[in-house]
């Protein structure tokens, strides 16, 4: 393995670890971990017809308006393009809101 391959393998392992930390923080409603993991300019466009930025999502989680019963993330592929890493995959979530429960499958 050359130095570039080793560097990419280390990056990929780091990204996989961060993906799992975020997934766990989402399940646990751990706002302080999500605050550190999410970029300030994060925008989420979910299949639950929710488009929101970081602060709105953190407030919803903190107030209990957005809770996850389960959250499973399965990264399918991690690709490195210079300094940019792209992660593709899917997730399955049991989402509990104030008025309903949803099972979401995203990819």
N, C-alpha and C. Protein backbone atom coordinates (compact mmCIF):
# COMPACT_ATOMS: atom_id res chain seq x y z
N UNK A 1 0.84 -1.17 0.00
CA UNK A 1 0.00 0.00 0.00
C UNK A 1 0.90 1.24 0.00
N UNK A 2 0.62 2.20 -0.90
CA UNK A 2 1.42 3.42 -0.94
C UNK A 2 0.90 4.44 0.08
N UNK A 3 1.62 5.56 0.22
CA UNK A 3 1.28 6.57 1.22
C UNK A 3 -0.11 7.16 0.99
N UNK A 4 -0.49 7.38 -0.28
CA UNK A 4 -1.81 7.92 -0.58
C UNK A 4 -2.90 6.95 -0.18
N UNK A 5 -2.72 5.68 -0.50
CA UNK A 5 -3.70 4.66 -0.13
C UNK A 5 -3.85 4.55 1.37
N UNK A 6 -2.73 4.60 2.09
CA UNK A 6 -2.77 4.53 3.55
C UNK A 6 -3.47 5.75 4.13
N UNK A 7 -3.21 6.92 3.57
CA UNK A 7 -3.85 8.14 4.02
C UNK A 7 -5.36 8.08 3.79
N UNK A 8 -5.76 7.60 2.60
CA UNK A 8 -7.19 7.47 2.29
C UNK A 8 -7.85 6.45 3.21
N UNK A 9 -7.18 5.35 3.49
CA UNK A 9 -7.74 4.32 4.38
C UNK A 9 -7.96 4.91 5.77
N UNK A 10 -7.01 5.70 6.25
CA UNK A 10 -7.15 6.34 7.56
C UNK A 10 -8.30 7.34 7.56
N UNK A 11 -8.41 8.14 6.50
CA UNK A 11 -9.54 9.08 6.37
C UNK A 11 -10.86 8.33 6.38
N UNK A 12 -10.94 7.26 5.62
CA UNK A 12 -12.19 6.50 5.53
C UNK A 12 -12.58 5.93 6.89
N UNK A 13 -11.61 5.42 7.63
CA UNK A 13 -11.88 4.88 8.96
C UNK A 13 -12.38 5.99 9.88
N UNK A 14 -11.75 7.16 9.79
CA UNK A 14 -12.17 8.31 10.60
C UNK A 14 -13.60 8.71 10.26
N UNK A 15 -13.92 8.76 8.97
CA UNK A 15 -15.27 9.13 8.53
C UNK A 15 -16.28 8.09 9.01
N UNK A 16 -15.97 6.81 8.87
CA UNK A 16 -16.88 5.76 9.36
C UNK A 16 -17.15 5.93 10.85
N UNK A 17 -16.11 6.23 11.62
CA UNK A 17 -16.26 6.43 13.06
C UNK A 17 -17.15 7.63 13.35
N UNK A 18 -16.94 8.73 12.61
CA UNK A 18 -17.76 9.92 12.81
C UNK A 18 -19.22 9.67 12.42
N UNK A 19 -19.43 8.91 11.35
CA UNK A 19 -20.79 8.56 10.94
C UNK A 19 -21.51 7.78 12.05
N UNK A 20 -20.81 6.84 12.66
CA UNK A 20 -21.40 6.04 13.73
C UNK A 20 -21.64 6.88 14.99
N UNK A 21 -20.73 7.81 15.29
CA UNK A 21 -20.93 8.71 16.44
C UNK A 21 -22.16 9.57 16.25
N UNK A 22 -22.32 10.09 15.02
CA UNK A 22 -23.49 10.92 14.75
C UNK A 22 -24.77 10.10 14.88
N UNK A 23 -24.76 8.89 14.34
CA UNK A 23 -25.92 8.02 14.42
C UNK A 23 -26.29 7.74 15.88
N UNK A 24 -25.30 7.45 16.70
CA UNK A 24 -25.54 7.21 18.12
C UNK A 24 -26.07 8.46 18.81
N UNK A 25 -25.50 9.62 18.50
CA UNK A 25 -25.95 10.87 19.09
C UNK A 25 -27.39 11.18 18.70
N UNK A 26 -27.76 10.87 17.45
CA UNK A 26 -29.14 11.06 17.02
C UNK A 26 -30.09 10.16 17.80
N UNK A 27 -29.72 8.89 17.96
CA UNK A 27 -30.56 7.96 18.74
C UNK A 27 -30.71 8.42 20.19
N UNK A 28 -29.60 8.94 20.75
CA UNK A 28 -29.59 9.32 22.16
C UNK A 28 -30.14 10.73 22.41
N UNK A 29 -30.37 11.49 21.33
CA UNK A 29 -30.78 12.88 21.50
C UNK A 29 -29.69 13.71 22.15
N UNK A 30 -28.43 13.39 21.85
CA UNK A 30 -27.25 14.01 22.45
C UNK A 30 -26.90 15.30 21.70
N UNK A 31 -27.52 16.39 22.13
CA UNK A 31 -27.38 17.67 21.45
C UNK A 31 -25.95 18.18 21.48
N UNK A 32 -25.24 18.00 22.59
CA UNK A 32 -23.87 18.52 22.67
C UNK A 32 -22.95 17.81 21.68
N UNK A 33 -23.12 16.50 21.50
CA UNK A 33 -22.31 15.78 20.50
C UNK A 33 -22.66 16.23 19.09
N UNK A 34 -23.95 16.39 18.81
CA UNK A 34 -24.37 16.83 17.48
C UNK A 34 -23.87 18.25 17.20
N UNK A 35 -23.85 19.09 18.22
CA UNK A 35 -23.32 20.46 18.07
C UNK A 35 -21.88 20.41 17.57
N UNK A 36 -21.08 19.48 18.11
CA UNK A 36 -19.68 19.36 17.71
C UNK A 36 -19.54 18.69 16.34
N UNK A 37 -20.38 17.70 16.05
CA UNK A 37 -20.24 16.93 14.82
C UNK A 37 -20.76 17.65 13.58
N UNK A 38 -21.80 18.43 13.74
CA UNK A 38 -22.43 19.08 12.59
C UNK A 38 -21.77 20.42 12.28
N UNK A 39 -21.61 20.70 10.99
CA UNK A 39 -21.12 22.00 10.54
C UNK A 39 -22.18 23.06 10.82
N UNK A 40 -21.75 24.28 11.06
CA UNK A 40 -22.68 25.37 11.36
C UNK A 40 -23.63 25.65 10.20
N UNK A 41 -23.20 25.37 8.97
CA UNK A 41 -24.04 25.64 7.81
C UNK A 41 -24.79 24.40 7.31
N UNK A 42 -24.92 23.39 8.17
CA UNK A 42 -25.65 22.16 7.82
C UNK A 42 -27.09 22.47 7.42
N UNK A 43 -27.54 21.86 6.34
CA UNK A 43 -28.94 21.91 5.92
C UNK A 43 -29.38 20.48 5.67
N UNK A 44 -30.51 20.09 6.25
CA UNK A 44 -31.06 18.74 6.08
C UNK A 44 -32.33 18.85 5.26
N UNK A 45 -32.43 18.02 4.24
CA UNK A 45 -33.64 17.90 3.43
C UNK A 45 -34.05 16.45 3.55
N UNK A 46 -34.98 16.16 4.45
CA UNK A 46 -35.31 14.77 4.76
C UNK A 46 -36.55 14.29 4.01
N UNK A 47 -36.70 12.98 4.01
CA UNK A 47 -37.87 12.37 3.38
C UNK A 47 -39.14 12.59 4.20
N UNK A 48 -39.00 13.13 5.41
CA UNK A 48 -40.17 13.46 6.24
C UNK A 48 -40.67 14.87 5.92
N UNK A 49 -40.22 15.42 4.78
CA UNK A 49 -40.63 16.74 4.31
C UNK A 49 -40.18 17.83 5.28
N UNK A 50 -38.99 17.67 5.84
CA UNK A 50 -38.41 18.63 6.75
C UNK A 50 -37.14 19.18 6.14
N UNK A 51 -37.09 20.49 5.97
CA UNK A 51 -35.88 21.16 5.52
C UNK A 51 -35.49 22.11 6.65
N UNK A 52 -34.32 21.88 7.24
CA UNK A 52 -33.94 22.66 8.41
C UNK A 52 -32.43 22.77 8.51
N UNK A 53 -32.00 23.83 9.19
CA UNK A 53 -30.59 24.03 9.47
C UNK A 53 -30.21 23.47 10.83
N UNK A 54 -28.95 23.57 11.15
CA UNK A 54 -28.39 23.00 12.37
C UNK A 54 -29.13 23.48 13.62
N UNK A 55 -29.28 24.78 13.79
CA UNK A 55 -29.88 25.30 15.02
C UNK A 55 -31.32 24.84 15.20
N UNK A 56 -32.09 24.83 14.13
CA UNK A 56 -33.48 24.38 14.22
C UNK A 56 -33.53 22.91 14.62
N UNK A 57 -32.69 22.09 14.01
CA UNK A 57 -32.67 20.67 14.34
C UNK A 57 -32.24 20.45 15.79
N UNK A 58 -31.21 21.15 16.23
CA UNK A 58 -30.76 21.00 17.61
C UNK A 58 -31.86 21.41 18.59
N UNK A 59 -32.56 22.50 18.30
CA UNK A 59 -33.66 22.93 19.16
C UNK A 59 -34.79 21.90 19.19
N UNK A 60 -35.11 21.34 18.03
CA UNK A 60 -36.17 20.32 17.98
C UNK A 60 -35.80 19.09 18.82
N UNK A 61 -34.55 18.67 18.72
CA UNK A 61 -34.08 17.51 19.48
C UNK A 61 -34.09 17.84 20.97
N UNK A 62 -33.55 19.01 21.32
CA UNK A 62 -33.47 19.42 22.72
C UNK A 62 -34.85 19.54 23.36
N UNK A 63 -35.83 20.01 22.61
CA UNK A 63 -37.18 20.19 23.12
C UNK A 63 -38.01 18.91 23.05
N UNK A 64 -37.42 17.84 22.50
CA UNK A 64 -38.14 16.57 22.40
C UNK A 64 -39.14 16.51 21.26
N UNK A 65 -39.11 17.50 20.37
CA UNK A 65 -40.03 17.50 19.23
C UNK A 65 -39.55 16.60 18.10
N UNK A 66 -38.29 16.22 18.13
CA UNK A 66 -37.72 15.32 17.13
C UNK A 66 -36.94 14.24 17.88
N UNK A 67 -37.52 13.04 17.89
CA UNK A 67 -36.89 11.93 18.61
C UNK A 67 -36.82 10.73 17.69
N UNK A 68 -35.76 9.98 17.84
CA UNK A 68 -35.58 8.77 17.05
C UNK A 68 -35.65 7.56 17.97
N UNK A 69 -36.52 6.65 17.64
CA UNK A 69 -36.57 5.39 18.38
C UNK A 69 -35.39 4.52 17.97
N UNK A 70 -35.16 4.47 16.66
CA UNK A 70 -34.01 3.74 16.12
C UNK A 70 -33.39 4.57 15.00
N UNK A 71 -32.12 4.31 14.74
CA UNK A 71 -31.43 4.96 13.63
C UNK A 71 -30.27 4.05 13.23
N UNK A 72 -30.34 3.53 12.04
CA UNK A 72 -29.28 2.67 11.53
C UNK A 72 -28.71 3.31 10.27
N UNK A 73 -27.41 3.47 10.25
CA UNK A 73 -26.75 4.06 9.09
C UNK A 73 -25.82 3.01 8.50
N UNK A 74 -25.90 2.87 7.20
CA UNK A 74 -25.05 1.90 6.50
C UNK A 74 -24.34 2.61 5.35
N UNK A 75 -23.17 3.21 5.61
CA UNK A 75 -22.44 3.80 4.48
C UNK A 75 -22.10 2.72 3.46
N UNK A 76 -22.42 2.98 2.23
CA UNK A 76 -22.16 2.04 1.16
C UNK A 76 -20.79 2.28 0.56
N UNK A 77 -20.43 3.55 0.43
CA UNK A 77 -19.16 3.87 -0.22
C UNK A 77 -18.61 5.17 0.31
N UNK A 78 -17.32 5.19 0.52
CA UNK A 78 -16.61 6.40 0.90
C UNK A 78 -15.56 6.64 -0.18
N UNK A 79 -15.63 7.80 -0.82
CA UNK A 79 -14.69 8.11 -1.91
C UNK A 79 -13.94 9.40 -1.58
N UNK A 80 -12.66 9.43 -1.88
CA UNK A 80 -11.82 10.59 -1.62
C UNK A 80 -11.45 11.24 -2.94
N UNK A 81 -11.63 12.56 -3.00
CA UNK A 81 -11.27 13.36 -4.17
C UNK A 81 -10.43 14.52 -3.66
N UNK A 82 -9.13 14.33 -3.58
CA UNK A 82 -8.26 15.36 -3.02
C UNK A 82 -8.56 15.53 -1.54
N UNK A 83 -8.95 16.76 -1.15
CA UNK A 83 -9.29 17.05 0.24
C UNK A 83 -10.76 16.83 0.56
N UNK A 84 -11.53 16.35 -0.40
CA UNK A 84 -12.96 16.16 -0.22
C UNK A 84 -13.27 14.66 -0.11
N UNK A 85 -14.08 14.32 0.90
CA UNK A 85 -14.53 12.94 1.07
C UNK A 85 -16.04 12.92 0.88
N UNK A 86 -16.53 12.02 0.04
CA UNK A 86 -17.96 11.89 -0.23
C UNK A 86 -18.42 10.54 0.31
N UNK A 87 -19.47 10.58 1.14
CA UNK A 87 -20.02 9.36 1.72
C UNK A 87 -21.42 9.16 1.14
N UNK A 88 -21.66 7.98 0.60
CA UNK A 88 -23.00 7.64 0.13
C UNK A 88 -23.45 6.42 0.90
N UNK A 89 -24.74 6.30 1.07
CA UNK A 89 -25.24 5.15 1.81
C UNK A 89 -26.73 5.28 2.03
N UNK A 90 -27.20 4.58 3.03
CA UNK A 90 -28.62 4.67 3.36
C UNK A 90 -28.81 4.55 4.86
N UNK A 91 -30.00 4.90 5.30
CA UNK A 91 -30.30 4.78 6.72
C UNK A 91 -31.76 4.42 6.90
N UNK A 92 -32.03 3.78 8.01
CA UNK A 92 -33.39 3.43 8.39
C UNK A 92 -33.62 4.05 9.76
N UNK A 93 -34.73 4.80 9.88
CA UNK A 93 -35.01 5.53 11.10
C UNK A 93 -36.46 5.36 11.51
N UNK A 94 -36.69 5.09 12.78
CA UNK A 94 -38.03 5.21 13.35
C UNK A 94 -38.07 6.57 14.01
N UNK A 95 -38.81 7.48 13.42
CA UNK A 95 -38.89 8.87 13.84
C UNK A 95 -40.17 9.07 14.63
N UNK A 96 -40.06 9.73 15.78
CA UNK A 96 -41.22 10.05 16.59
C UNK A 96 -41.31 11.57 16.64
N UNK A 97 -42.44 12.13 16.17
CA UNK A 97 -42.66 13.57 16.25
C UNK A 97 -43.79 13.81 17.25
N UNK A 98 -44.19 15.06 17.39
CA UNK A 98 -45.25 15.38 18.34
C UNK A 98 -46.57 14.71 17.99
N UNK A 99 -46.82 14.50 16.71
CA UNK A 99 -48.13 14.02 16.31
C UNK A 99 -48.15 12.64 15.66
N UNK A 100 -46.98 12.08 15.34
CA UNK A 100 -47.01 10.81 14.62
C UNK A 100 -45.67 10.10 14.76
N UNK A 101 -45.68 8.83 14.34
CA UNK A 101 -44.45 8.07 14.25
C UNK A 101 -44.25 7.67 12.80
N UNK A 102 -43.02 7.74 12.33
CA UNK A 102 -42.70 7.43 10.95
C UNK A 102 -41.55 6.43 10.90
N UNK A 103 -41.57 5.57 9.91
CA UNK A 103 -40.40 4.74 9.60
C UNK A 103 -39.87 5.25 8.29
N UNK A 104 -38.62 5.74 8.29
CA UNK A 104 -38.03 6.34 7.11
C UNK A 104 -36.91 5.47 6.57
N UNK A 105 -36.88 5.33 5.27
CA UNK A 105 -35.80 4.66 4.57
C UNK A 105 -35.22 5.68 3.61
N UNK A 106 -33.94 5.99 3.78
CA UNK A 106 -33.32 6.96 2.89
C UNK A 106 -32.05 6.38 2.30
N UNK A 107 -31.73 6.87 1.15
CA UNK A 107 -30.47 6.47 0.52
C UNK A 107 -29.90 7.63 -0.23
